[in-house]
């Protein structure tokens, strides 16, 4: 399962760098289903949502990420 999460996250990051924010968000969603308390996944989903202009949803993801790990310096 850990490998699947890692693969989904890597693919999501790759898609974001290519501008595929919608598909990236979907990959992060799938990974979050498997590991809902992972602040990095929530943060990355927030970044993808921000790229789509879905700012309120992005803020929710960033806030959840920070709730799980208040020291999460990568939370945008």
PDB file of N, CA and C in Angstrom:
ATOM      1  N   UNK A   1       0.830  -1.198   0.000  1.00  0.00           N
ATOM      2  CA  UNK A   1       0.000   0.000   0.000  1.00  0.00           C
ATOM      3  C   UNK A   1       0.869   1.255   0.000  1.00  0.00           C
ATOM      4  N   UNK A   2       1.943   1.255   0.802  1.00  0.00           N
ATOM      5  CA  UNK A   2       2.826   2.421   0.887  1.00  0.00           C
ATOM      6  C   UNK A   2       3.407   2.768  -0.483  1.00  0.00           C
ATOM      7  N   UNK A   3       3.734   1.731  -1.254  1.00  0.00           N
ATOM      8  CA  UNK A   3       4.279   1.953  -2.595  1.00  0.00           C
ATOM      9  C   UNK A   3       3.235   2.593  -3.504  1.00  0.00           C
ATOM     10  N   UNK A   4       1.972   2.149  -3.377  1.00  0.00           N
ATOM     11  CA  UNK A   4       0.902   2.744  -4.185  1.00  0.00           C
ATOM     12  C   UNK A   4       0.736   4.221  -3.867  1.00  0.00           C
ATOM     13  N   UNK A   5       0.786   4.567  -2.588  1.00  0.00           N
ATOM     14  CA  UNK A   5       0.644   5.956  -2.173  1.00  0.00           C
ATOM     15  C   UNK A   5       1.786   6.777  -2.756  1.00  0.00           C
ATOM     16  N   UNK A   6       2.988   6.254  -2.650  1.00  0.00           N
ATOM     17  CA  UNK A   6       4.161   6.950  -3.177  1.00  0.00           C
ATOM     18  C   UNK A   6       4.053   7.150  -4.687  1.00  0.00           C
ATOM     19  N   UNK A   7       3.612   6.126  -5.392  1.00  0.00           N
ATOM     20  CA  UNK A   7       3.455   6.230  -6.849  1.00  0.00           C
ATOM     21  C   UNK A   7       2.397   7.253  -7.233  1.00  0.00           C
ATOM     22  N   UNK A   8       1.284   7.255  -6.504  1.00  0.00           N
ATOM     23  CA  UNK A   8       0.231   8.235  -6.770  1.00  0.00           C
ATOM     24  C   UNK A   8       0.730   9.658  -6.523  1.00  0.00           C
ATOM     25  N   UNK A   9       1.471   9.840  -5.424  1.00  0.00           N
ATOM     26  CA  UNK A   9       1.997  11.168  -5.099  1.00  0.00           C
ATOM     27  C   UNK A   9       2.998  11.618  -6.161  1.00  0.00           C
ATOM     28  N   UNK A  10       3.891  10.730  -6.567  1.00  0.00           N
ATOM     29  CA  UNK A  10       4.882  11.084  -7.592  1.00  0.00           C
ATOM     30  C   UNK A  10       4.201  11.461  -8.899  1.00  0.00           C
ATOM     31  N   UNK A  11       3.203  10.683  -9.291  1.00  0.00           N
ATOM     32  CA  UNK A  11       2.480  10.977 -10.530  1.00  0.00           C
ATOM     33  C   UNK A  11       1.741  12.307 -10.411  1.00  0.00           C
ATOM     34  N   UNK A  12       1.149  12.565  -9.240  1.00  0.00           N
ATOM     35  CA  UNK A  12       0.463  13.832  -9.020  1.00  0.00           C
ATOM     36  C   UNK A  12       1.411  15.015  -9.133  1.00  0.00           C
ATOM     37  N   UNK A  13       2.596  14.873  -8.563  1.00  0.00           N
ATOM     38  CA  UNK A  13       3.589  15.949  -8.651  1.00  0.00           C
ATOM     39  C   UNK A  13       4.002  16.171 -10.105  1.00  0.00           C
ATOM     40  N   UNK A  14       4.223  15.076 -10.821  1.00  0.00           N
ATOM     41  CA  UNK A  14       4.603  15.175 -12.227  1.00  0.00           C
ATOM     42  C   UNK A  14       3.512  15.885 -13.025  1.00  0.00           C
ATOM     43  N   UNK A  15       2.270  15.505 -12.785  1.00  0.00           N
ATOM     44  CA  UNK A  15       1.157  16.129 -13.499  1.00  0.00           C
ATOM     45  C   UNK A  15       1.074  17.628 -13.206  1.00  0.00           C
ATOM     46  N   UNK A  16       1.321  18.004 -11.946  1.00  0.00           N
ATOM     47  CA  UNK A  16       1.282  19.432 -11.609  1.00  0.00           C
ATOM     48  C   UNK A  16       2.357  20.201 -12.359  1.00  0.00           C
ATOM     49  N   UNK A  17       3.558  19.631 -12.463  1.00  0.00           N
ATOM     50  CA  UNK A  17       4.633  20.338 -13.166  1.00  0.00           C
ATOM     51  C   UNK A  17       4.305  20.506 -14.650  1.00  0.00           C
ATOM     52  N   UNK A  18       3.437  19.643 -15.156  1.00  0.00           N
ATOM     53  CA  UNK A  18       3.013  19.719 -16.558  1.00  0.00           C
ATOM     54  C   UNK A  18       1.735  20.547 -16.722  1.00  0.00           C
ATOM     55  N   UNK A  19       1.226  21.078 -15.620  1.00  0.00           N
ATOM     56  CA  UNK A  19       0.012  21.884 -15.680  1.00  0.00           C
ATOM     57  C   UNK A  19      -1.277  21.097 -15.585  1.00  0.00           C
ATOM     58  N   UNK A  20      -1.195  19.801 -15.301  1.00  0.00           N
ATOM     59  CA  UNK A  20      -2.388  18.955 -15.205  1.00  0.00           C
ATOM     60  C   UNK A  20      -2.943  18.923 -13.792  1.00  0.00           C
ATOM     61  N   UNK A  21      -3.395  20.058 -13.320  1.00  0.00           N
ATOM     62  CA  UNK A  21      -3.826  20.186 -11.927  1.00  0.00           C
ATOM     63  C   UNK A  21      -5.050  19.336 -11.591  1.00  0.00           C
ATOM     64  N   UNK A  22      -5.975  19.208 -12.521  1.00  0.00           N
ATOM     65  CA  UNK A  22      -7.189  18.421 -12.264  1.00  0.00           C
ATOM     66  C   UNK A  22      -6.831  16.946 -12.068  1.00  0.00           C
ATOM     67  N   UNK A  23      -6.016  16.411 -12.964  1.00  0.00           N
ATOM     68  CA  UNK A  23      -5.606  15.011 -12.846  1.00  0.00           C
ATOM     69  C   UNK A  23      -4.725  14.813 -11.615  1.00  0.00           C
ATOM     70  N   UNK A  24      -3.874  15.793 -11.327  1.00  0.00           N
ATOM     71  CA  UNK A  24      -3.016  15.704 -10.141  1.00  0.00           C
ATOM     72  C   UNK A  24      -3.872  15.627  -8.883  1.00  0.00           C
ATOM     73  N   UNK A  25      -4.882  16.465  -8.813  1.00  0.00           N
ATOM     74  CA  UNK A  25      -5.774  16.476  -7.659  1.00  0.00           C
ATOM     75  C   UNK A  25      -6.430  15.112  -7.472  1.00  0.00           C
ATOM     76  N   UNK A  26      -6.810  14.487  -8.576  1.00  0.00           N
ATOM     77  CA  UNK A  26      -7.420  13.160  -8.517  1.00  0.00           C
ATOM     78  C   UNK A  26      -6.436  12.129  -7.964  1.00  0.00           C
ATOM     79  N   UNK A  27      -5.178  12.213  -8.365  1.00  0.00           N
ATOM     80  CA  UNK A  27      -4.169  11.288  -7.849  1.00  0.00           C
ATOM     81  C   UNK A  27      -3.979  11.491  -6.340  1.00  0.00           C
ATOM     82  N   UNK A  28      -3.945  12.746  -5.915  1.00  0.00           N
ATOM     83  CA  UNK A  28      -3.798  13.005  -4.484  1.00  0.00           C
ATOM     84  C   UNK A  28      -5.020  12.532  -3.708  1.00  0.00           C
ATOM     85  N   UNK A  29      -6.210  12.685  -4.295  1.00  0.00           N
ATOM     86  CA  UNK A  29      -7.425  12.171  -3.658  1.00  0.00           C
ATOM     87  C   UNK A  29      -7.323  10.666  -3.405  1.00  0.00           C
ATOM     88  N   UNK A  30      -6.857   9.942  -4.419  1.00  0.00           N
ATOM     89  CA  UNK A  30      -6.726   8.490  -4.282  1.00  0.00           C
ATOM     90  C   UNK A  30      -5.735   8.130  -3.174  1.00  0.00           C
ATOM     91  N   UNK A  31      -4.634   8.861  -3.112  1.00  0.00           N
ATOM     92  CA  UNK A  31      -3.633   8.601  -2.077  1.00  0.00           C
ATOM     93  C   UNK A  31      -4.174   8.950  -0.695  1.00  0.00           C
ATOM     94  N   UNK A  32      -4.936  10.036  -0.599  1.00  0.00           N
ATOM     95  CA  UNK A  32      -5.504  10.468   0.688  1.00  0.00           C
ATOM     96  C   UNK A  32      -6.511   9.452   1.202  1.00  0.00           C
ATOM     97  N   UNK A  33      -7.242   8.804   0.302  1.00  0.00           N
ATOM     98  CA  UNK A  33      -8.179   7.753   0.728  1.00  0.00           C
ATOM     99  C   UNK A  33      -7.420   6.652   1.466  1.00  0.00           C
ATOM    100  N   UNK A  34      -6.229   6.328   0.966  1.00  0.00           N
ATOM    101  CA  UNK A  34      -5.432   5.265   1.582  1.00  0.00           C
ATOM    102  C   UNK A  34      -4.691   5.727   2.830  1.00  0.00           C
ATOM    103  N   UNK A  35      -4.390   7.035   2.904  1.00  0.00           N
ATOM    104  CA  UNK A  35      -3.642   7.553   4.043  1.00  0.00           C
ATOM    105  C   UNK A  35      -4.152   8.964   4.383  1.00  0.00           C
ATOM    106  N   UNK A  36      -5.339   9.037   5.002  1.00  0.00           N
ATOM    107  CA  UNK A  36      -5.983  10.332   5.220  1.00  0.00           C
ATOM    108  C   UNK A  36      -5.266  11.256   6.208  1.00  0.00           C
ATOM    109  N   UNK A  37      -4.369  10.734   6.995  1.00  0.00           N
ATOM    110  CA  UNK A  37      -3.697  11.585   7.975  1.00  0.00           C
ATOM    111  C   UNK A  37      -2.284  11.973   7.539  1.00  0.00           C
ATOM    112  N   UNK A  38      -2.026  11.952   6.236  1.00  0.00           N
ATOM    113  CA  UNK A  38      -0.724  12.330   5.706  1.00  0.00           C
ATOM    114  C   UNK A  38      -0.749  13.815   5.336  1.00  0.00           C
ATOM    115  N   UNK A  39      -0.058  14.668   6.116  1.00  0.00           N
ATOM    116  CA  UNK A  39      -0.113  16.109   5.845  1.00  0.00           C
ATOM    117  C   UNK A  39       0.511  16.490   4.506  1.00  0.00           C
ATOM    118  N   UNK A  40       1.494  15.735   4.043  1.00  0.00           N
ATOM    119  CA  UNK A  40       2.123  16.056   2.761  1.00  0.00           C
ATOM    120  C   UNK A  40       1.156  15.866   1.598  1.00  0.00           C
ATOM    121  N   UNK A  41       0.365  14.804   1.660  1.00  0.00           N
ATOM    122  CA  UNK A  41      -0.619  14.565   0.604  1.00  0.00           C
ATOM    123  C   UNK A  41      -1.672  15.672   0.590  1.00  0.00           C
ATOM    124  N   UNK A  42      -2.124  16.055   1.767  1.00  0.00           N
ATOM    125  CA  UNK A  42      -3.117  17.134   1.853  1.00  0.00           C
ATOM    126  C   UNK A  42      -2.544  18.443   1.333  1.00  0.00           C
ATOM    127  N   UNK A  43      -1.290  18.707   1.657  1.00  0.00           N
ATOM    128  CA  UNK A  43      -0.649  19.929   1.185  1.00  0.00           C
ATOM    129  C   UNK A  43      -0.538  19.934  -0.337  1.00  0.00           C
ATOM    130  N   UNK A  44      -0.123  18.814  -0.898  1.00  0.00           N
ATOM    131  CA  UNK A  44       0.006  18.734  -2.349  1.00  0.00           C
ATOM    132  C   UNK A  44      -1.346  18.846  -3.045  1.00  0.00           C
ATOM    133  N   UNK A  45      -2.371  18.259  -2.436  1.00  0.00           N
ATOM    134  CA  UNK A  45      -3.708  18.418  -3.016  1.00  0.00           C
ATOM    135  C   UNK A  45      -4.101  19.890  -2.982  1.00  0.00           C
ATOM    136  N   UNK A  46      -3.775  20.565  -1.880  1.00  0.00           N
ATOM    137  CA  UNK A  46      -4.056  21.997  -1.790  1.00  0.00           C
ATOM    138  C   UNK A  46      -3.358  22.789  -2.888  1.00  0.00           C
ATOM    139  N   UNK A  47      -2.124  22.425  -3.177  1.00  0.00           N
ATOM    140  CA  UNK A  47      -1.382  23.111  -4.237  1.00  0.00           C
ATOM    141  C   UNK A  47      -2.058  22.887  -5.586  1.00  0.00           C
ATOM    142  N   UNK A  48      -2.513  21.658  -5.823  1.00  0.00           N
ATOM    143  CA  UNK A  48      -3.184  21.378  -7.099  1.00  0.00           C
ATOM    144  C   UNK A  48      -4.506  22.155  -7.200  1.00  0.00           C
ATOM    145  N   UNK A  49      -5.226  22.238  -6.103  1.00  0.00           N
ATOM    146  CA  UNK A  49      -6.483  22.996  -6.107  1.00  0.00           C
ATOM    147  C   UNK A  49      -6.228  24.490  -6.309  1.00  0.00           C
ATOM    148  N   UNK A  50      -5.163  24.980  -5.709  1.00  0.00           N
ATOM    149  CA  UNK A  50      -4.796  26.388  -5.906  1.00  0.00           C
ATOM    150  C   UNK A  50      -4.501  26.637  -7.384  1.00  0.00           C
ATOM    151  N   UNK A  51      -3.830  25.678  -8.031  1.00  0.00           N
ATOM    152  CA  UNK A  51      -3.540  25.802  -9.456  1.00  0.00           C
ATOM    153  C   UNK A  51      -4.794  25.849 -10.315  1.00  0.00           C
ATOM    154  N   UNK A  52      -5.873  25.275  -9.796  1.00  0.00           N
ATOM    155  CA  UNK A  52      -7.162  25.300 -10.503  1.00  0.00           C
ATOM    156  C   UNK A  52      -7.995  26.528 -10.151  1.00  0.00           C
ATOM    157  N   UNK A  53      -7.470  27.362  -9.253  1.00  0.00           N
ATOM    158  CA  UNK A  53      -8.219  28.538  -8.822  1.00  0.00           C
ATOM    159  C   UNK A  53      -9.300  28.220  -7.805  1.00  0.00           C
ATOM    160  N   UNK A  54      -9.256  27.032  -7.224  1.00  0.00           N
ATOM    161  CA  UNK A  54     -10.252  26.609  -6.227  1.00  0.00           C
ATOM    162  C   UNK A  54      -9.678  26.909  -4.837  1.00  0.00           C
ATOM    163  N   UNK A  55      -9.601  28.197  -4.537  1.00  0.00           N
ATOM    164  CA  UNK A  55      -8.868  28.679  -3.375  1.00  0.00           C
ATOM    165  C   UNK A  55      -9.462  28.253  -2.037  1.00  0.00           C
ATOM    166  N   UNK A  56     -10.773  28.263  -1.910  1.00  0.00           N
ATOM    167  CA  UNK A  56     -11.395  27.862  -0.640  1.00  0.00           C
ATOM    168  C   UNK A  56     -11.085  26.404  -0.314  1.00  0.00           C
ATOM    169  N   UNK A  57     -11.167  25.546  -1.317  1.00  0.00           N
ATOM    170  CA  UNK A  57     -10.859  24.132  -1.112  1.00  0.00           C
ATOM    171  C   UNK A  57      -9.368  23.944  -0.808  1.00  0.00           C
ATOM    172  N   UNK A  58      -8.536  24.736  -1.475  1.00  0.00           N
ATOM    173  CA  UNK A  58      -7.099  24.663  -1.230  1.00  0.00           C
ATOM    174  C   UNK A  58      -6.786  25.049   0.215  1.00  0.00           C
ATOM    175  N   UNK A  59      -7.407  26.111   0.696  1.00  0.00           N
ATOM    176  CA  UNK A  59      -7.187  26.552   2.077  1.00  0.00           C
ATOM    177  C   UNK A  59      -7.608  25.465   3.061  1.00  0.00           C
ATOM    178  N   UNK A  60      -8.722  24.779   2.774  1.00  0.00           N
ATOM    179  CA  UNK A  60      -9.156  23.677   3.639  1.00  0.00           C
ATOM    180  C   UNK A  60      -8.081  22.593   3.718  1.00  0.00           C
ATOM    181  N   UNK A  61      -7.505  22.245   2.573  1.00  0.00           N
ATOM    182  CA  UNK A  61      -6.446  21.227   2.565  1.00  0.00           C
ATOM    183  C   UNK A  61      -5.224  21.701   3.344  1.00  0.00           C
ATOM    184  N   UNK A  62      -4.834  22.953   3.137  1.00  0.00           N
ATOM    185  CA  UNK A  62      -3.676  23.485   3.859  1.00  0.00           C
ATOM    186  C   UNK A  62      -3.935  23.495   5.364  1.00  0.00           C
ATOM    187  N   UNK A  63      -5.143  23.882   5.764  1.00  0.00           N
ATOM    188  CA  UNK A  63      -5.472  23.906   7.189  1.00  0.00           C
ATOM    189  C   UNK A  63      -5.468  22.504   7.799  1.00  0.00           C
ATOM    190  N   UNK A  64      -6.013  21.532   7.063  1.00  0.00           N
ATOM    191  CA  UNK A  64      -5.986  20.142   7.551  1.00  0.00           C
ATOM    192  C   UNK A  64      -4.550  19.660   7.696  1.00  0.00           C
ATOM    193  N   UNK A  65      -3.723  19.999   6.724  1.00  0.00           N
ATOM    194  CA  UNK A  65      -2.315  19.612   6.770  1.00  0.00           C
ATOM    195  C   UNK A  65      -1.648  20.185   8.021  1.00  0.00           C
ATOM    196  N   UNK A  66      -1.914  21.444   8.288  1.00  0.00           N
ATOM    197  CA  UNK A  66      -1.318  22.089   9.462  1.00  0.00           C
ATOM    198  C   UNK A  66      -1.887  21.550  10.773  1.00  0.00           C
ATOM    199  N   UNK A  67      -3.145  21.150  10.777  1.00  0.00           N
ATOM    200  CA  UNK A  67      -3.729  20.537  11.981  1.00  0.00           C
ATOM    201  C   UNK A  67      -3.034  19.221  12.297  1.00  0.00           C
ATOM    202  N   UNK A  68      -2.727  18.465  11.244  1.00  0.00           N
ATOM    203  CA  UNK A  68      -2.061  17.173  11.444  1.00  0.00           C
ATOM    204  C   UNK A  68      -0.602  17.349  11.846  1.00  0.00           C
ATOM    205  N   UNK A  69       0.034  18.362  11.297  1.00  0.00           N
ATOM    206  CA  UNK A  69       1.443  18.610  11.592  1.00  0.00           C
ATOM    207  C   UNK A  69       1.684  20.113  11.613  1.00  0.00           C
ATOM    208  N   UNK A  70       1.540  20.726  12.787  1.00  0.00           N
ATOM    209  CA  UNK A  70       1.690  22.181  12.883  1.00  0.00           C
ATOM    210  C   UNK A  70       3.088  22.665  12.494  1.00  0.00           C
ATOM    211  N   UNK A  71       4.029  21.737  12.473  1.00  0.00           N
ATOM    212  CA  UNK A  71       5.390  22.118  12.080  1.00  0.00           C
ATOM    213  C   UNK A  71       5.632  21.884  10.598  1.00  0.00           C
ATOM    214  N   UNK A  72       4.585  21.584   9.864  1.00  0.00           N
ATOM    215  CA  UNK A  72       4.711  21.304   8.439  1.00  0.00           C
ATOM    216  C   UNK A  72       5.103  22.595   7.707  1.00  0.00           C
ATOM    217  N   UNK A  73       6.390  22.751   7.459  1.00  0.00           N
ATOM    218  CA  UNK A  73       6.897  23.971   6.854  1.00  0.00           C
ATOM    219  C   UNK A  73       6.582  24.058   5.364  1.00  0.00           C
ATOM    220  N   UNK A  74       6.152  22.935   4.764  1.00  0.00           N
ATOM    221  CA  UNK A  74       5.834  22.952   3.348  1.00  0.00           C
ATOM    222  C   UNK A  74       4.401  23.388   3.065  1.00  0.00           C
ATOM    223  N   UNK A  75       3.587  23.492   4.098  1.00  0.00           N
ATOM    224  CA  UNK A  75       2.197  23.897   3.879  1.00  0.00           C
ATOM    225  C   UNK A  75       2.190  25.294   3.287  1.00  0.00           C
ATOM    226  N   UNK A  76       1.577  25.408   2.141  1.00  0.00           N
ATOM    227  CA  UNK A  76       1.620  26.688   1.407  1.00  0.00           C
ATOM    228  C   UNK A  76       0.604  27.645   1.971  1.00  0.00           C
TER     229      UNK A  76
END
